[in-house]
């Protein structure tokens, strides 16, 4: 059945407002880095942030419309790629800012892994378990996600601490290029498995009947969503530079740890997709939740690290990519718990609570190391 509903007005307005704001900013005298900030610059900064967040949510909404039409597992792939494009734009905007933290890419990628694999997964399992007692998913798909995630995270975030060419938590340019290439190869291989070779690994074995969810978006609605998705992504990418400047000034003003920048970026880009994942878990569609959550973490490493690496090789700026011993321990604990959680094909509220506790510990140690 084909649905003929129109997109919500906000999902049309915010992509247009984002593009309009970028082009009108010079004419209204907006300077994101103005010091000391005036009342008008603070007001315009707040308005710009709201517009950017609205465009992010709009982008995910339109990606979700397209995803609903193309079905699983291609649907979640559309969502994760849209989110990753936004994330890369935000990271690159801050990386290219003079005096930016050389550890931003690492902090953001690690924050995404912790938010997704502990915070989001824990919330989906806990809330889904409270409503449906136990939920089922495909262990074959979960094992594919975790095997690739473990390899990518260790190779990109832990290995730099044990190489000898560059001293410290760094890769040399040659090593960085090599790791970027194998990262892309692994991610492309995963996409081949997900979308072609073993698509059945990522589909729910038996989905419950959804009230009204069998109505597919009309061709006209999908076409409109494609255009609006592109507008929203362009708007976010263009605004990202100004938002990066505001974020850096704001965090330095309050004396926040450098890692908070990565957490803020991760939260901004993951918020809409996280809402979709939690709603799916509440509808007893845990498989879709896991596709969204774990797919996001894979896309983040598989696409963000190479994109940032290429940029930094060209501008000759060394990026700090290796995790501290404390964060390495948290990463190892996260991967170990994920193997236990997704090893049986069934979940309960205890598993969700354990992941949330680890996520809370991660946040606590950021501010009180």
Protein backbone atom coordinates (compact mmCIF):
# COMPACT_ATOMS: atom_id res chain seq x y z
CA UNK A 1 0.00 0.00 0.00
CA UNK A 2 1.27 3.48 -0.84
CA UNK A 3 0.93 6.35 1.61
CA UNK A 4 0.14 9.83 0.30
CA UNK A 5 1.04 11.86 3.36
CA UNK A 6 3.01 15.08 2.97
CA UNK A 7 6.25 15.74 4.86
CA UNK A 8 5.90 17.78 8.06
CA UNK A 9 6.28 21.52 7.54
CA UNK A 10 9.38 21.70 9.74
CA UNK A 11 11.21 19.15 7.59
CA UNK A 12 10.66 21.45 4.61
CA UNK A 13 11.36 24.72 6.39
CA UNK A 14 14.63 23.92 8.16
CA UNK A 15 16.64 22.77 5.11
CA UNK A 16 15.58 25.94 3.29
CA UNK A 17 16.31 28.10 6.35
CA UNK A 18 19.78 26.53 6.67
CA UNK A 19 20.71 27.43 3.10
CA UNK A 20 19.16 30.89 3.45
CA UNK A 21 21.02 31.61 6.71
CA UNK A 22 24.40 30.80 5.17
CA UNK A 23 23.86 33.19 2.26
CA UNK A 24 22.31 35.95 4.40
CA UNK A 25 24.88 35.81 7.22
CA UNK A 26 27.32 38.31 5.62
CA UNK A 27 24.50 40.78 4.93
CA UNK A 28 23.16 40.74 8.50
CA UNK A 29 26.63 41.20 9.99
CA UNK A 30 26.88 37.81 11.68
CA UNK A 31 30.37 36.90 12.91
CA UNK A 32 30.48 33.61 14.82
CA UNK A 33 33.94 34.32 16.22
CA UNK A 34 33.30 37.91 17.35
CA UNK A 35 35.09 38.72 20.63
CA UNK A 36 33.68 39.96 22.88
CA UNK A 37 30.34 38.65 21.65
CA UNK A 38 27.55 41.18 21.28
CA UNK A 39 23.90 40.58 22.09
CA UNK A 40 23.07 40.38 18.39
CA UNK A 41 25.86 37.86 17.68
CA UNK A 42 24.74 35.69 20.61
CA UNK A 43 21.15 35.82 19.40
CA UNK A 44 22.11 34.97 15.83
CA UNK A 45 24.37 32.17 17.09
CA UNK A 46 21.45 30.68 19.02
CA UNK A 47 19.19 30.99 15.98
CA UNK A 48 21.83 29.38 13.76
CA UNK A 49 22.26 26.47 16.19
CA UNK A 50 18.51 25.85 16.25
CA UNK A 51 18.38 25.97 12.44
CA UNK A 52 21.30 23.54 12.17
CA UNK A 53 19.73 21.10 14.63
CA UNK A 54 16.43 21.39 12.77
CA UNK A 55 18.22 20.65 9.49
CA UNK A 56 19.90 17.61 11.07
CA UNK A 57 16.55 16.23 12.22
CA UNK A 58 15.03 17.05 8.83
CA UNK A 59 17.86 15.21 7.05
CA UNK A 60 17.29 12.10 9.16
CA UNK A 61 13.51 12.32 8.62
CA UNK A 62 13.89 12.42 4.85
CA UNK A 63 16.50 9.66 4.95
CA UNK A 64 13.99 7.64 6.97
CA UNK A 65 11.29 8.21 4.34
CA UNK A 66 13.65 6.97 1.64
CA UNK A 67 14.69 4.08 3.88
CA UNK A 68 11.06 3.06 4.41
CA UNK A 69 10.55 2.90 0.66
CA UNK A 70 13.70 0.91 -0.20
CA UNK A 71 13.34 -1.46 2.78
CA UNK A 72 15.89 -3.25 4.92
CA UNK A 73 18.85 -3.43 5.00
CA UNK A 74 19.28 -0.63 2.45
CA UNK A 75 17.07 1.65 4.54
CA UNK A 76 19.36 1.78 7.55
CA UNK A 77 22.30 2.23 5.21
CA UNK A 78 20.73 5.43 3.84
CA UNK A 79 20.24 6.68 7.40
CA UNK A 80 23.76 5.90 8.57
CA UNK A 81 25.40 7.46 5.50
CA UNK A 82 23.37 10.65 5.92
CA UNK A 83 24.40 10.90 9.57
CA UNK A 84 28.05 10.16 8.78
CA UNK A 85 28.19 12.91 6.14
CA UNK A 86 26.98 15.39 8.75
CA UNK A 87 29.50 14.11 11.28
CA UNK A 88 32.43 14.34 8.88
CA UNK A 89 31.41 17.91 7.99
CA UNK A 90 31.37 18.96 11.65
CA UNK A 91 34.70 17.27 12.43
CA UNK A 92 36.43 18.71 9.37
CA UNK A 93 35.11 22.18 10.19
CA UNK A 94 36.73 22.10 13.62
CA UNK A 95 39.91 20.36 12.43
CA UNK A 96 40.47 23.14 9.90
CA UNK A 97 40.00 25.80 12.59
CA UNK A 98 43.38 27.26 13.68
CA UNK A 99 44.40 26.03 17.11
CA UNK A 100 41.90 23.16 17.15
CA UNK A 101 42.57 20.02 19.17
CA UNK A 102 44.62 17.41 17.26
CA UNK A 103 42.64 14.72 19.12
CA UNK A 104 39.18 15.83 17.93
CA UNK A 105 38.69 13.02 15.39
CA UNK A 106 39.73 10.41 17.95
CA UNK A 107 37.52 11.92 20.66
CA UNK A 108 34.52 12.03 18.32
CA UNK A 109 34.94 8.49 17.02
CA UNK A 110 35.43 7.13 20.54
CA UNK A 111 32.43 9.12 21.78
CA UNK A 112 30.29 7.66 18.99
CA UNK A 113 31.35 4.12 19.91
CA UNK A 114 30.59 4.68 23.60
CA UNK A 115 27.29 6.48 22.94
CA UNK A 116 26.10 3.88 20.43
CA UNK A 117 27.40 0.62 21.89
CA UNK A 118 26.64 1.51 25.52
CA UNK A 119 24.24 4.45 25.75
CA UNK A 120 21.96 3.83 22.77
CA UNK A 121 22.14 0.02 22.77
CA UNK A 122 21.59 -0.02 26.52
CA UNK A 123 18.59 2.31 26.28
CA UNK A 124 17.01 0.31 23.45
CA UNK A 125 17.45 -2.99 25.29
CA UNK A 126 16.28 -1.58 28.63
CA UNK A 127 13.17 0.20 27.35
CA UNK A 128 12.35 -2.57 24.91
CA UNK A 129 12.77 -5.14 27.67
CA UNK A 130 10.55 -3.22 30.07
CA UNK A 131 7.77 -3.20 27.47
CA UNK A 132 8.22 -6.59 25.79
CA UNK A 133 10.05 -8.64 28.49
CA UNK A 134 12.51 -10.23 26.05
CA UNK A 135 13.38 -9.26 22.49
CA UNK A 136 14.97 -11.24 19.70
CA UNK A 137 17.40 -10.36 16.92
CA UNK A 138 19.65 -12.05 14.38
CA UNK A 139 22.87 -13.22 16.03
CA UNK A 140 24.44 -13.69 12.59
CA UNK A 141 24.01 -9.99 11.81
CA UNK A 142 25.20 -8.90 15.26
CA UNK A 143 28.35 -11.01 14.95
CA UNK A 144 29.16 -9.39 11.61
CA UNK A 145 28.75 -5.92 13.12
CA UNK A 146 30.89 -6.74 16.15
CA UNK A 147 33.70 -8.48 14.27
CA UNK A 148 34.16 -5.52 11.92
CA UNK A 149 33.70 -2.99 14.74
CA UNK A 150 36.33 -4.72 16.89
CA UNK A 151 38.86 -4.82 14.05
CA UNK A 152 38.27 -1.20 12.99
CA UNK A 153 38.32 0.22 16.51
CA UNK A 154 41.49 -1.61 17.57
CA UNK A 155 43.35 -0.84 14.33
CA UNK A 156 42.48 2.85 14.36
CA UNK A 157 42.27 3.78 18.05
CA UNK A 158 44.59 1.37 19.90
CA UNK A 159 47.33 0.32 17.44
CA UNK A 160 48.86 3.85 17.19
CA UNK A 161 50.03 3.53 20.80
CA UNK A 162 52.24 0.57 19.87
CA UNK A 163 53.87 1.69 16.60
CA UNK A 164 57.48 2.92 16.50
CA UNK A 165 57.74 5.17 13.44
CA UNK A 166 55.93 8.03 15.17
CA UNK A 167 56.36 8.58 18.90
CA UNK A 168 53.21 8.79 20.98
CA UNK A 169 49.58 8.12 20.04
CA UNK A 170 50.19 8.98 16.39
CA UNK A 171 50.46 7.29 13.04
CA UNK A 172 53.01 8.47 10.53
CA UNK A 173 51.52 9.70 7.26
CA UNK A 174 52.37 6.40 5.58
CA UNK A 175 50.78 4.41 8.38
CA UNK A 176 47.76 6.70 8.39
CA UNK A 177 47.22 6.20 4.67
CA UNK A 178 47.60 2.43 5.01
CA UNK A 179 45.15 2.22 7.92
CA UNK A 180 42.69 4.44 6.05
CA UNK A 181 42.82 2.14 3.03
CA UNK A 182 42.25 -1.05 5.02
CA UNK A 183 39.50 0.72 6.97
CA UNK A 184 37.66 1.56 3.77
CA UNK A 185 38.21 -1.98 2.45
CA UNK A 186 36.72 -3.49 5.61
CA UNK A 187 33.75 -1.14 5.56
CA UNK A 188 33.05 -1.74 1.85
CA UNK A 189 33.26 -5.49 2.47
CA UNK A 190 30.77 -5.11 5.29
CA UNK A 191 28.41 -3.16 3.01
CA UNK A 192 28.68 -5.93 0.42
CA UNK A 193 27.68 -8.49 3.05
CA UNK A 194 24.85 -6.28 4.34
CA UNK A 195 23.34 -5.24 1.03
CA UNK A 196 24.11 -8.09 -1.33
CA UNK A 197 25.64 -11.31 -0.09
CA UNK A 198 23.83 -11.92 3.21
CA UNK A 199 21.00 -9.41 3.52
CA UNK A 200 19.00 -11.97 5.51
CA UNK A 201 21.46 -11.56 8.41
CA UNK A 202 20.10 -8.07 9.02
CA UNK A 203 16.37 -8.65 8.67
CA UNK A 204 14.05 -9.47 11.54
CA UNK A 205 13.12 -13.14 11.44
CA UNK A 206 9.51 -12.36 12.16
CA UNK A 207 8.31 -8.80 12.55
CA UNK A 208 5.10 -7.99 14.36
CA UNK A 209 2.29 -6.37 12.50
CA UNK A 210 2.64 -2.62 12.64
CA UNK A 211 -0.34 -0.36 12.65
CA UNK A 212 -0.11 1.53 9.44
CA UNK A 213 3.59 0.83 8.93
CA UNK A 214 2.91 -1.26 5.83
CA UNK A 215 1.94 1.91 3.91
CA UNK A 216 4.90 2.83 1.74
CA UNK A 217 5.68 6.48 0.93
CA UNK A 218 4.46 7.52 -2.49
CA UNK A 219 6.91 8.10 -5.31
CA UNK A 220 6.21 11.82 -5.16
CA UNK A 221 6.95 11.94 -1.44
CA UNK A 222 10.18 9.99 -1.89
CA UNK A 223 11.29 12.33 -4.68
CA UNK A 224 10.60 15.34 -2.47
CA UNK A 225 12.52 13.70 0.37
CA UNK A 226 15.55 13.11 -1.87
CA UNK A 227 15.66 16.82 -2.80
CA UNK A 228 15.07 17.99 0.77
CA UNK A 229 17.66 15.53 2.12
CA UNK A 230 20.28 17.00 -0.20
CA UNK A 231 19.27 20.53 0.82
CA UNK A 232 19.45 19.62 4.51
CA UNK A 233 22.88 18.00 4.16
CA UNK A 234 24.21 20.99 2.21
CA UNK A 235 22.79 23.37 4.80
CA UNK A 236 24.39 21.51 7.70
CA UNK A 237 27.74 21.25 5.93
CA UNK A 238 27.74 24.99 5.16
CA UNK A 239 26.73 25.96 8.70
CA UNK A 240 29.18 23.50 10.28
CA UNK A 241 32.13 25.92 10.07
CA UNK A 242 30.29 28.64 11.98
CA UNK A 243 28.97 26.13 14.52
CA UNK A 244 32.50 24.79 15.02
CA UNK A 245 33.74 28.27 15.87
CA UNK A 246 30.93 28.84 18.38
CA UNK A 247 31.50 25.43 19.95
CA UNK A 248 35.23 25.97 20.40
CA UNK A 249 34.73 29.44 21.94
CA UNK A 250 31.92 28.26 24.20
CA UNK A 251 33.76 25.22 25.56
CA UNK A 252 36.98 27.15 26.14
CA UNK A 253 35.01 29.88 27.95
CA UNK A 254 33.54 27.41 30.46
CA UNK A 255 36.80 25.46 30.75
CA UNK A 256 35.35 22.15 29.53
CA UNK A 257 37.74 19.26 28.76
CA UNK A 258 38.82 18.95 25.13
CA UNK A 259 37.01 15.60 24.78
CA UNK A 260 33.67 17.38 25.28
CA UNK A 261 33.88 18.75 21.71
CA UNK A 262 33.83 15.21 20.34
CA UNK A 263 30.94 14.25 22.62
CA UNK A 264 28.88 17.27 21.54
CA UNK A 265 29.43 16.50 17.85
CA UNK A 266 28.54 12.85 18.42
CA UNK A 267 25.34 13.78 20.28
CA UNK A 268 24.28 16.29 17.61
CA UNK A 269 24.63 13.85 14.73
CA UNK A 270 23.32 10.78 16.58
CA UNK A 271 20.28 12.36 18.30
CA UNK A 272 17.72 11.93 15.47
CA UNK A 273 18.90 8.44 14.58
CA UNK A 274 18.92 7.48 18.26
CA UNK A 275 15.29 8.54 18.62
CA UNK A 276 14.40 6.35 15.64
CA UNK A 277 16.29 3.40 17.13
CA UNK A 278 14.60 3.72 20.54
CA UNK A 279 11.15 3.97 18.92
CA UNK A 280 11.89 0.83 16.92
CA UNK A 281 12.84 -1.01 20.13
CA UNK A 282 9.59 0.10 21.77
CA UNK A 283 7.73 -1.36 18.76
CA UNK A 284 9.57 -4.64 19.38
CA UNK A 285 11.79 -4.11 16.32
CA UNK A 286 15.12 -4.57 18.07
CA UNK A 287 16.77 -5.76 14.86
CA UNK A 288 16.13 -2.38 13.26
CA UNK A 289 17.46 -0.65 16.38
CA UNK A 290 20.67 -2.66 16.19
CA UNK A 291 21.03 -2.02 12.47
CA UNK A 292 20.79 1.72 13.12
CA UNK A 293 22.99 1.76 16.21
CA UNK A 294 25.81 -0.58 15.21
CA UNK A 295 25.68 0.59 11.60
CA UNK A 296 26.32 4.15 12.81
CA UNK A 297 29.42 3.17 14.75
CA UNK A 298 30.82 1.24 11.78
CA UNK A 299 30.13 4.09 9.37
CA UNK A 300 31.77 6.54 11.76
CA UNK A 301 35.06 4.63 11.84
CA UNK A 302 34.87 3.38 8.28
CA UNK A 303 34.30 6.81 6.73
CA UNK A 304 35.28 9.46 9.28
CA UNK A 305 38.82 8.27 9.99
CA UNK A 306 39.83 8.07 6.28
CA UNK A 307 38.19 11.44 5.51
CA UNK A 308 39.96 13.21 8.37
CA UNK A 309 43.21 11.38 7.64
CA UNK A 310 43.26 12.48 4.00
CA UNK A 311 42.58 16.07 4.99
CA UNK A 312 45.32 16.09 7.60
CA UNK A 313 47.87 14.50 5.27
CA UNK A 314 47.25 17.26 2.73
CA UNK A 315 47.43 20.11 5.26
CA UNK A 316 50.37 18.41 7.05
CA UNK A 317 48.73 18.45 10.46
CA UNK A 318 49.41 15.49 12.72
CA UNK A 319 46.32 14.08 14.42
CA UNK A 320 46.38 12.36 17.77
CA UNK A 321 44.50 9.12 17.22
CA UNK A 322 45.56 6.62 19.88
CA UNK A 323 43.40 6.22 22.99
CA UNK A 324 44.68 6.65 26.53
CA UNK A 325 45.10 3.52 28.65
CA UNK A 326 41.87 4.34 30.51
CA UNK A 327 39.84 4.72 27.32
CA UNK A 328 41.44 1.58 25.87
CA UNK A 329 40.16 -0.31 28.90
CA UNK A 330 36.66 1.11 28.41
CA UNK A 331 36.76 0.17 24.73
CA UNK A 332 37.82 -3.39 25.57
CA UNK A 333 35.07 -3.66 28.18
CA UNK A 334 32.51 -2.36 25.69
CA UNK A 335 33.49 -4.90 23.03
CA UNK A 336 33.49 -7.74 25.58
CA UNK A 337 30.05 -6.83 26.93
CA UNK A 338 28.72 -6.49 23.38
CA UNK A 339 29.87 -10.02 22.57
CA UNK A 340 28.02 -11.31 25.64
CA UNK A 341 24.90 -9.23 25.00
CA UNK A 342 24.54 -10.19 21.34
CA UNK A 343 25.69 -13.78 21.62
CA UNK A 344 22.36 -15.44 22.47
CA UNK A 345 19.89 -13.72 20.14
CA UNK A 346 17.74 -12.60 23.09
CA UNK A 347 18.04 -9.63 25.43
CA UNK A 348 16.65 -8.55 28.79
CA UNK A 349 16.71 -5.42 30.93
CA UNK A 350 19.85 -6.45 32.87
CA UNK A 351 21.97 -6.38 29.72
CA UNK A 352 20.66 -2.92 28.91
CA UNK A 353 21.37 -1.66 32.42
CA UNK A 354 24.96 -2.94 32.33
CA UNK A 355 25.64 -1.04 29.08
CA UNK A 356 24.11 2.15 30.50
CA UNK A 357 26.30 1.89 33.61
CA UNK A 358 29.43 1.67 31.42
CA UNK A 359 28.24 4.69 29.42
CA UNK A 360 27.63 6.68 32.62
CA UNK A 361 31.15 5.78 33.76
CA UNK A 362 32.56 7.06 30.45
CA UNK A 363 30.80 10.42 30.88
CA UNK A 364 31.83 10.71 34.53
CA UNK A 365 35.51 10.11 33.75
CA UNK A 366 35.49 12.75 30.99
CA UNK A 367 34.80 15.45 33.57
CA UNK A 368 36.51 13.85 36.57
CA UNK A 369 39.39 11.82 35.14
